[in-house]
Amino acid sequence: MEKKQALEVLTGLSQETRLDIFRLLVERGPEGQPAGKIGDRLGLPAATLSFHLAHLERCGLLDAEKAGRSIIYSANFEAMTALMAFLSENCCRESACCAPGKMDPPMHGGPRARRSRSHETTARPRSGR
């Protein structure tokens, strides 16, 4: 994936409704879901849904297939994988700590907070000072 395409994909996901649609379709898997069911599930009016589905399809995140009178939308897993690869290769190249599968999830204390580990000890009182 080239930088320009990555930016288009990230722009597609940078809006709350589109991110909700994409997450729903990722959960549905390759079989996808008809547009009407997506709208019902997310409580979106048809015009709003149509606008966001078209945007996601244009940036390559969704595939659409006509089935009778319905259109079945599904997440484009190839595009999602390509974006993850692009981010890993271009953003984490120099840092082993941000390689996929190596990051600890952030805690409530902010982006730099670390999760506690059972083998770590808590602070001990200083003796003699």
Protein backbone atom coordinates (compact mmCIF):
# COMPACT_ATOMS: atom_id res chain seq x y z
CA MET A 1 0.00 0.00 0.00
CA GLU A 2 1.29 3.43 -0.91
CA LYS A 3 1.11 6.45 1.41
CA LYS A 4 -1.68 8.13 -0.61
CA GLN A 5 -3.87 5.02 -0.45
CA ALA A 6 -3.16 4.61 3.29
CA LEU A 7 -4.28 8.20 3.84
CA GLU A 8 -7.52 7.55 1.93
CA VAL A 9 -8.23 4.45 4.03
CA LEU A 10 -7.42 6.23 7.30
CA THR A 11 -9.63 9.15 6.24
CA GLY A 12 -12.44 6.68 5.62
CA LEU A 13 -12.13 5.37 9.16
CA SER A 14 -11.72 8.77 10.78
CA GLN A 15 -15.45 9.40 11.11
CA GLU A 16 -17.45 7.76 13.92
CA THR A 17 -20.34 6.40 11.83
CA ARG A 18 -18.02 4.97 9.17
CA LEU A 19 -15.86 3.35 11.84
CA ASP A 20 -19.00 1.79 13.38
CA ILE A 21 -20.10 0.46 9.98
CA PHE A 22 -16.66 -0.98 9.26
CA ARG A 23 -16.39 -2.61 12.69
CA LEU A 24 -19.82 -4.18 12.27
CA LEU A 25 -18.89 -5.59 8.87
CA VAL A 26 -15.57 -6.92 10.16
CA GLU A 27 -17.53 -8.76 12.88
CA ARG A 28 -19.90 -10.16 10.23
CA GLY A 29 -16.99 -11.65 8.31
CA PRO A 30 -16.76 -12.34 4.58
CA GLU A 31 -20.49 -13.03 4.16
CA GLY A 32 -21.24 -9.38 4.94
CA GLN A 33 -24.66 -7.90 5.56
CA PRO A 34 -27.40 -6.20 3.54
CA ALA A 35 -27.48 -2.43 3.73
CA GLY A 36 -30.90 -2.41 5.40
CA LYS A 37 -29.71 -4.61 8.26
CA ILE A 38 -26.63 -2.44 8.76
CA GLY A 39 -28.90 0.61 9.05
CA ASP A 40 -31.26 -1.16 11.45
CA ARG A 41 -28.42 -2.42 13.62
CA LEU A 42 -26.77 1.00 13.88
CA GLY A 43 -29.98 3.07 13.88
CA LEU A 44 -29.04 5.01 10.75
CA PRO A 45 -31.46 6.61 8.28
CA ALA A 46 -31.15 5.23 4.73
CA ALA A 47 -29.67 8.44 3.26
CA THR A 48 -27.00 8.69 5.98
CA LEU A 49 -26.13 5.02 5.62
CA SER A 50 -25.91 5.27 1.84
CA PHE A 51 -23.56 8.27 2.08
CA HIS A 52 -21.18 6.50 4.47
CA LEU A 53 -21.27 3.15 2.66
CA ALA A 54 -20.36 4.90 -0.60
CA HIS A 55 -17.46 6.67 1.10
CA LEU A 56 -16.12 3.42 2.57
CA GLU A 57 -16.48 1.67 -0.77
CA ARG A 58 -14.63 4.49 -2.61
CA CYS A 59 -11.67 4.31 -0.25
CA GLY A 60 -11.48 0.54 -0.70
CA LEU A 61 -12.61 -0.64 2.73
CA LEU A 62 -15.88 -2.24 1.61
CA ASP A 63 -16.94 -4.58 -1.15
CA ALA A 64 -20.52 -4.46 -2.45
CA GLU A 65 -22.35 -7.25 -4.23
CA LYS A 66 -25.87 -7.07 -5.62
CA ALA A 67 -28.08 -9.94 -4.45
CA GLY A 68 -31.58 -9.63 -5.87
CA ARG A 69 -32.96 -6.31 -4.70
CA SER A 70 -30.38 -5.96 -1.92
CA ILE A 71 -26.77 -4.92 -1.85
CA ILE A 72 -24.59 -6.99 0.44
CA TYR A 73 -21.67 -5.07 1.92
CA SER A 74 -18.62 -6.76 3.39
CA ALA A 75 -15.35 -5.55 4.84
CA ASN A 76 -12.39 -5.70 2.48
CA PHE A 77 -10.01 -7.70 4.66
CA GLU A 78 -7.21 -7.36 2.09
CA ALA A 79 -7.33 -3.57 2.42
CA MET A 80 -7.39 -3.81 6.21
CA THR A 81 -4.39 -6.16 6.21
CA ALA A 82 -2.53 -3.93 3.74
CA LEU A 83 -3.13 -0.90 5.97
CA MET A 84 -1.83 -2.76 9.02
CA ALA A 85 1.25 -3.85 7.06
CA PHE A 86 1.83 -0.29 5.84
CA LEU A 87 1.61 1.09 9.37
CA SER A 88 3.91 -1.61 10.74
CA GLU A 89 6.50 -1.16 8.01
CA ASN A 90 6.45 2.63 7.87
CA CYS A 91 5.70 3.67 11.41
CA CYS A 92 7.39 0.97 13.48
CA ARG A 93 10.42 0.20 11.34
CA GLU A 94 12.97 1.37 13.91
CA SER A 95 11.18 0.32 17.08
CA ALA A 96 10.77 -3.27 18.19
CA CYS A 97 8.38 -2.17 20.93
CA CYS A 98 5.62 -1.26 18.49
CA ALA A 99 5.79 -4.36 16.31
CA PRO A 100 2.35 -6.01 15.99
CA GLY A 101 1.65 -8.30 18.90
CA LYS A 102 4.36 -6.71 21.05
CA MET A 103 2.46 -3.75 22.44
CA ASP A 104 0.90 -3.72 25.87
CA PRO A 105 -2.62 -2.29 25.86
CA PRO A 106 -2.76 1.24 27.32
CA MET A 107 -4.22 1.68 30.77
CA HIS A 108 -6.49 4.44 32.04
CA GLY A 109 -3.53 6.59 33.06
CA GLY A 110 -2.94 7.75 29.49
CA PRO A 111 -0.94 6.56 26.53
CA ARG A 112 2.26 5.99 28.48
CA ALA A 113 0.67 4.11 31.37
CA ARG A 114 1.81 0.54 31.71
CA ARG A 115 -0.26 -2.35 32.89
CA SER A 116 0.85 -3.91 36.14
CA ARG A 117 2.40 -7.32 36.04
CA SER A 118 1.98 -9.84 38.82
CA HIS A 119 5.74 -10.45 38.98
CA GLU A 120 6.55 -6.78 39.58
CA THR A 121 6.82 -5.55 43.13
CA THR A 122 5.20 -2.47 44.54
CA ALA A 123 7.17 0.44 45.94
CA ARG A 124 8.81 -0.35 49.26
CA PRO A 125 9.45 2.15 52.02
CA ARG A 126 13.04 3.36 52.15
CA SER A 127 15.00 2.05 55.07
CA GLY A 128 17.31 4.34 57.03
CA ARG A 129 16.79 7.45 54.94
